[in-house]
Amino acid sequence: MIVLLADAHLPYSPELDRDPAWIALRGLFDMLSEGDRLYVLGDLFDCWIEYGPGRYPLRYRPVVEKLLEVLQRGVDIALLVGNHDAWTGTFWPHHGVRLRHGPIQETFYGEPVWLAHGHEWPHRGWRYRILLHPVPNRLYRLLLPEPVGLELAARIARLLRRRGKDPDRNHMDPRYRAACALAGSGKVRHIVCAHTHYPKRLPLPGGGWYWNVGAWMETRTLLLWDETGPRLCRWSEQGGLLPWEEESGAEENSRTAHPPGSY
């Protein structure tokens, strides 16, 4: 079983254990077993800054301990860096978690799949280029010691999220246009993104699909992939997975999308 999720935006807070998104995520992690694969497509944390080798934000200790427990269970874990955790360093690779900056291509049950957070694809804006440059990272850590720097980053992260996301509407979504072009080249069959916080499924040339996993923080949605294929699911309050289409109307997205050949 392969699980793909994103945008949990777990808060940098001393009350993390009371956060509904983290409580639900713990339940999902407990379902994973040996041989499963977990892909977090960015922004698991609302802010993540490493102030030196092996030093991570201590308020995230419950999350770190749970992920390392899942890893020891025999689950393969891959973290794609998002715009809120762009300054992730060597901590996760040191513990055996695969860390990736930028899109990657994987194979799921024989299907070539393109994975990206979405802030850096199809175009990486100037703000993210500056953010990823090593000089701002070093200056920030030098001028703002660990407690102050993390608190400030957490406040900025909250402000950025209040600005909202683009509506991610079918043909207006540049990621869908790029996905159609990529699928049309024959290199991949499915494209999976996040970042916009809007779960969806849209058709691609060649019979594949463009997926957005939505935001765990808001929708508790994920993409579940097994021998039967991929499907959007949501986490129920009772602690289990249900089909996302049951209540969201996500099927309507696939019916109203522009034909894949339009781009």
Protein backbone atom coordinates (compact mmCIF):
# COMPACT_ATOMS: atom_id res chain seq x y z
CA MET A 1 0.00 0.00 0.00
CA ILE A 2 1.21 3.49 -0.87
CA VAL A 3 -0.06 6.58 0.95
CA LEU A 4 0.47 10.10 -0.37
CA LEU A 5 -0.53 13.19 1.61
CA ALA A 6 0.55 16.80 2.06
CA ASP A 7 -0.06 20.14 3.72
CA ALA A 8 -0.68 19.00 7.27
CA HIS A 9 0.89 22.29 8.42
CA LEU A 10 1.41 20.91 11.90
CA PRO A 11 1.75 23.97 14.13
CA TYR A 12 4.92 24.93 15.93
CA SER A 13 3.12 24.99 19.25
CA PRO A 14 3.54 23.63 22.79
CA GLU A 15 -0.03 22.32 22.39
CA LEU A 16 0.73 20.23 19.32
CA ASP A 17 -0.71 17.08 20.91
CA ARG A 18 -4.15 18.75 20.93
CA ASP A 19 -4.03 19.67 17.24
CA PRO A 20 -6.82 17.83 15.34
CA ALA A 21 -4.68 17.35 12.24
CA TRP A 22 -1.90 15.74 14.26
CA ILE A 23 -4.33 13.50 16.18
CA ALA A 24 -5.76 12.23 12.87
CA LEU A 25 -2.30 11.83 11.36
CA ARG A 26 -1.17 9.71 14.30
CA GLY A 27 -4.10 7.40 13.63
CA LEU A 28 -3.14 7.11 9.98
CA PHE A 29 0.51 6.40 10.82
CA ASP A 30 -0.58 3.62 13.17
CA MET A 31 -2.26 1.89 10.21
CA LEU A 32 0.98 1.58 8.25
CA SER A 33 2.88 -1.70 8.34
CA GLU A 34 5.99 -3.32 6.92
CA GLY A 35 6.25 -2.95 3.15
CA ASP A 36 4.00 0.11 2.95
CA ARG A 37 5.28 3.35 1.45
CA LEU A 38 4.54 6.83 2.77
CA TYR A 39 5.05 9.95 0.67
CA VAL A 40 4.61 13.36 2.28
CA LEU A 41 4.43 15.84 -0.59
CA GLY A 42 5.54 18.90 1.34
CA ASP A 43 4.48 21.13 4.23
CA LEU A 44 4.13 18.46 6.86
CA PHE A 45 5.23 21.19 9.26
CA ASP A 46 4.14 24.80 9.33
CA CYS A 47 7.78 25.77 9.82
CA TRP A 48 10.93 23.70 10.09
CA ILE A 49 14.41 25.14 10.61
CA GLU A 50 17.46 23.10 11.60
CA TYR A 51 19.89 25.11 13.73
CA GLY A 52 22.73 22.68 13.25
CA PRO A 53 23.36 18.96 12.57
CA GLY A 54 20.84 16.78 14.34
CA ARG A 55 18.97 19.77 15.78
CA TYR A 56 15.31 19.96 14.89
CA PRO A 57 12.49 22.12 16.38
CA LEU A 58 11.86 20.38 19.70
CA ARG A 59 8.16 21.16 19.75
CA TYR A 60 7.90 18.70 16.87
CA ARG A 61 9.39 15.88 18.94
CA PRO A 62 6.11 13.86 18.99
CA VAL A 63 6.00 13.91 15.18
CA VAL A 64 9.67 13.02 14.83
CA GLU A 65 9.36 10.12 17.28
CA LYS A 66 6.25 8.78 15.53
CA LEU A 67 7.81 8.96 12.06
CA LEU A 68 10.96 7.20 13.26
CA GLU A 69 8.76 4.53 14.85
CA VAL A 70 6.95 4.07 11.52
CA LEU A 71 10.31 3.84 9.77
CA GLN A 72 11.50 1.14 12.17
CA ARG A 73 8.30 -0.76 11.40
CA GLY A 74 9.61 -1.29 7.86
CA VAL A 75 7.72 1.51 6.12
CA ASP A 76 9.56 3.39 3.39
CA ILE A 77 9.19 7.14 3.97
CA ALA A 78 9.88 9.92 1.46
CA LEU A 79 9.54 13.61 2.31
CA LEU A 80 9.28 16.17 -0.47
CA VAL A 81 10.16 19.65 0.70
CA GLY A 82 7.41 22.26 0.46
CA ASN A 83 7.50 26.03 0.80
CA HIS A 84 6.86 25.92 4.58
CA ASP A 85 9.67 23.44 5.29
CA ALA A 86 12.10 24.61 2.60
CA TRP A 87 14.96 24.87 5.11
CA THR A 88 14.91 21.17 5.95
CA GLY A 89 18.50 19.99 6.25
CA THR A 90 20.22 16.70 6.99
CA PHE A 91 18.20 15.49 9.96
CA TRP A 92 15.78 13.24 8.08
CA PRO A 93 18.30 11.65 5.67
CA HIS A 94 20.54 10.91 8.65
CA HIS A 95 17.74 8.77 10.10
CA GLY A 96 16.94 6.93 6.87
CA VAL A 97 14.10 9.04 5.51
CA ARG A 98 14.37 9.91 1.82
CA LEU A 99 14.37 13.70 1.42
CA ARG A 100 13.80 15.37 -1.94
CA HIS A 101 13.94 19.01 -2.99
CA GLY A 102 11.82 19.34 -6.11
CA PRO A 103 9.74 16.91 -8.19
CA ILE A 104 10.62 13.23 -8.42
CA GLN A 105 9.54 10.34 -10.60
CA GLU A 106 8.60 7.03 -9.02
CA THR A 107 7.00 3.76 -10.13
CA PHE A 108 3.83 2.58 -8.38
CA TYR A 109 2.67 -0.92 -9.28
CA GLY A 110 4.27 -0.63 -12.71
CA GLU A 111 2.91 2.88 -13.39
CA PRO A 112 5.33 5.82 -13.90
CA VAL A 113 4.27 8.63 -11.57
CA TRP A 114 5.46 12.24 -11.24
CA LEU A 115 5.36 13.73 -7.72
CA ALA A 116 5.71 17.38 -6.70
CA HIS A 117 4.61 19.67 -3.91
CA GLY A 118 3.51 22.28 -6.42
CA HIS A 119 5.13 25.52 -5.29
CA GLU A 120 8.19 24.75 -7.41
CA TRP A 121 6.45 23.20 -10.41
CA PRO A 122 5.89 23.98 -13.23
CA HIS A 123 7.67 27.26 -12.40
CA ARG A 124 9.76 28.19 -9.39
CA GLY A 125 9.03 31.83 -8.55
CA TRP A 126 11.63 34.34 -7.45
CA ARG A 127 10.49 34.18 -3.81
CA TYR A 128 11.26 30.48 -3.60
CA ARG A 129 14.58 30.91 -5.39
CA ILE A 130 15.61 33.41 -2.72
CA LEU A 131 14.23 31.19 0.04
CA LEU A 132 16.24 28.19 -1.14
CA HIS A 133 19.49 30.09 -1.55
CA PRO A 134 21.97 29.14 1.23
CA VAL A 135 22.80 32.77 2.11
CA PRO A 136 19.33 33.79 3.45
CA ASN A 137 19.17 30.53 5.37
CA ARG A 138 22.52 31.12 7.09
CA LEU A 139 21.82 34.80 7.77
CA TYR A 140 18.44 34.03 9.31
CA ARG A 141 19.90 31.45 11.68
CA LEU A 142 22.82 33.72 12.52
CA LEU A 143 20.75 36.84 13.26
CA LEU A 144 17.78 35.09 14.87
CA PRO A 145 18.70 32.46 17.48
CA GLU A 146 16.67 29.27 17.72
CA PRO A 147 13.74 30.28 19.96
CA VAL A 148 13.23 33.69 18.35
CA GLY A 149 13.78 32.49 14.80
CA LEU A 150 11.32 29.62 15.10
CA GLU A 151 8.63 31.75 16.72
CA LEU A 152 8.98 34.38 14.00
CA ALA A 153 8.87 31.74 11.26
CA ALA A 154 5.73 30.25 12.80
CA ARG A 155 4.00 33.64 12.80
CA ILE A 156 4.98 34.30 9.19
CA ALA A 157 3.71 30.85 8.21
CA ARG A 158 0.32 31.56 9.79
CA LEU A 159 0.08 34.89 7.97
CA LEU A 160 0.92 33.29 4.63
CA ARG A 161 -1.77 30.65 5.08
CA ARG A 162 -4.40 33.30 5.85
CA ARG A 163 -3.84 34.76 2.40
CA GLY A 164 -5.48 31.63 1.01
CA LYS A 165 -4.72 29.51 -2.03
CA ASP A 166 -5.57 29.88 -5.66
CA PRO A 167 -8.86 28.15 -6.57
CA ASP A 168 -7.07 25.48 -8.62
CA ARG A 169 -9.93 25.39 -11.12
CA ASN A 170 -9.47 22.92 -13.94
CA HIS A 171 -8.07 24.77 -16.99
CA MET A 172 -7.04 27.75 -14.84
CA ASP A 173 -4.57 25.61 -12.92
CA PRO A 174 -1.06 25.92 -14.41
CA ARG A 175 -0.12 22.61 -12.80
CA TYR A 176 -2.83 20.83 -14.76
CA ARG A 177 -1.61 22.39 -17.99
CA ALA A 178 1.94 21.27 -17.26
CA ALA A 179 0.68 17.83 -16.24
CA CYS A 180 -1.14 17.43 -19.57
CA ALA A 181 2.03 18.33 -21.45
CA LEU A 182 4.14 15.96 -19.35
CA ALA A 183 1.70 13.08 -19.73
CA GLY A 184 1.43 13.80 -23.45
CA SER A 185 5.16 13.25 -23.80
CA GLY A 186 4.68 9.65 -22.68
CA LYS A 187 7.22 9.91 -19.85
CA VAL A 188 4.68 9.46 -17.06
CA ARG A 189 1.09 8.34 -16.72
CA HIS A 190 0.01 10.00 -13.48
CA ILE A 191 0.96 13.32 -11.84
CA VAL A 192 0.39 13.94 -8.13
CA CYS A 193 0.67 17.41 -6.57
CA ALA A 194 -0.43 19.37 -3.51
CA HIS A 195 0.09 23.01 -2.38
CA THR A 196 -3.30 24.43 -3.48
CA HIS A 197 -5.17 22.67 -0.64
CA TYR A 198 -7.85 21.56 -3.11
CA PRO A 199 -8.29 17.79 -3.68
CA LYS A 200 -9.11 16.81 -7.23
CA ARG A 201 -8.82 14.27 -10.01
CA LEU A 202 -8.62 15.32 -13.67
CA PRO A 203 -7.98 13.27 -16.84
CA LEU A 204 -4.65 13.29 -18.65
CA PRO A 205 -3.62 12.28 -22.16
CA GLY A 206 -2.87 8.57 -22.37
CA GLY A 207 -5.52 7.53 -19.87
CA GLY A 208 -3.78 8.67 -16.69
CA TRP A 209 -4.87 11.16 -14.07
CA TYR A 210 -3.77 14.40 -12.50
CA TRP A 211 -4.27 14.22 -8.74
CA ASN A 212 -4.13 16.82 -6.03
CA VAL A 213 -4.11 15.23 -2.59
CA GLY A 214 -5.62 18.27 -0.89
CA ALA A 215 -4.56 19.58 2.52
CA TRP A 216 -4.52 17.19 5.46
CA MET A 217 -4.86 20.21 7.72
CA GLU A 218 -8.26 21.10 6.23
CA THR A 219 -9.73 18.16 4.32
CA ARG A 220 -7.97 15.13 5.90
CA THR A 221 -7.57 13.77 2.37
CA LEU A 222 -4.89 11.56 0.86
CA LEU A 223 -4.19 9.47 -2.20
CA LEU A 224 -4.23 5.75 -1.52
CA TRP A 225 -2.56 3.49 -4.08
CA ASP A 226 -2.70 -0.30 -4.06
CA GLU A 227 -3.09 -3.20 -6.51
CA THR A 228 -6.50 -1.88 -7.59
CA GLY A 229 -5.08 1.53 -8.50
CA PRO A 230 -5.14 5.05 -7.02
CA ARG A 231 -8.10 6.70 -5.30
CA LEU A 232 -8.69 9.77 -3.17
CA CYS A 233 -9.71 9.02 0.39
CA ARG A 234 -10.48 10.99 3.51
CA TRP A 235 -9.87 10.21 7.15
CA SER A 236 -13.09 9.73 9.09
CA GLU A 237 -13.67 10.96 12.61
CA GLN A 238 -14.15 7.33 13.65
CA GLY A 239 -10.56 6.58 12.60
CA GLY A 240 -10.59 4.99 9.17
CA LEU A 241 -10.49 5.76 5.45
CA LEU A 242 -13.52 6.54 3.30
CA PRO A 243 -13.77 7.39 -0.42
CA TRP A 244 -13.42 11.13 -0.92
CA GLU A 245 -15.99 11.20 -3.74
CA GLU A 246 -18.81 10.21 -1.40
CA GLU A 247 -19.31 13.73 -0.10
CA SER A 248 -16.95 16.08 -1.92
CA GLY A 249 -18.27 16.00 -5.46
CA ALA A 250 -14.72 15.43 -6.69
CA GLU A 251 -16.13 13.36 -9.56
CA GLU A 252 -17.64 16.58 -10.88
CA ASN A 253 -14.13 17.96 -11.32
CA SER A 254 -13.24 15.15 -13.71
CA ARG A 255 -16.45 15.61 -15.71
CA THR A 256 -16.12 19.40 -16.09
CA ALA A 257 -12.42 19.46 -16.90
CA HIS A 258 -11.31 20.59 -20.32
CA PRO A 259 -10.29 17.72 -22.61
CA PRO A 260 -6.66 16.72 -22.05
CA GLY A 261 -5.85 17.55 -25.66
CA SER A 262 -6.69 21.20 -25.08
CA TYR A 263 -3.20 21.99 -23.81
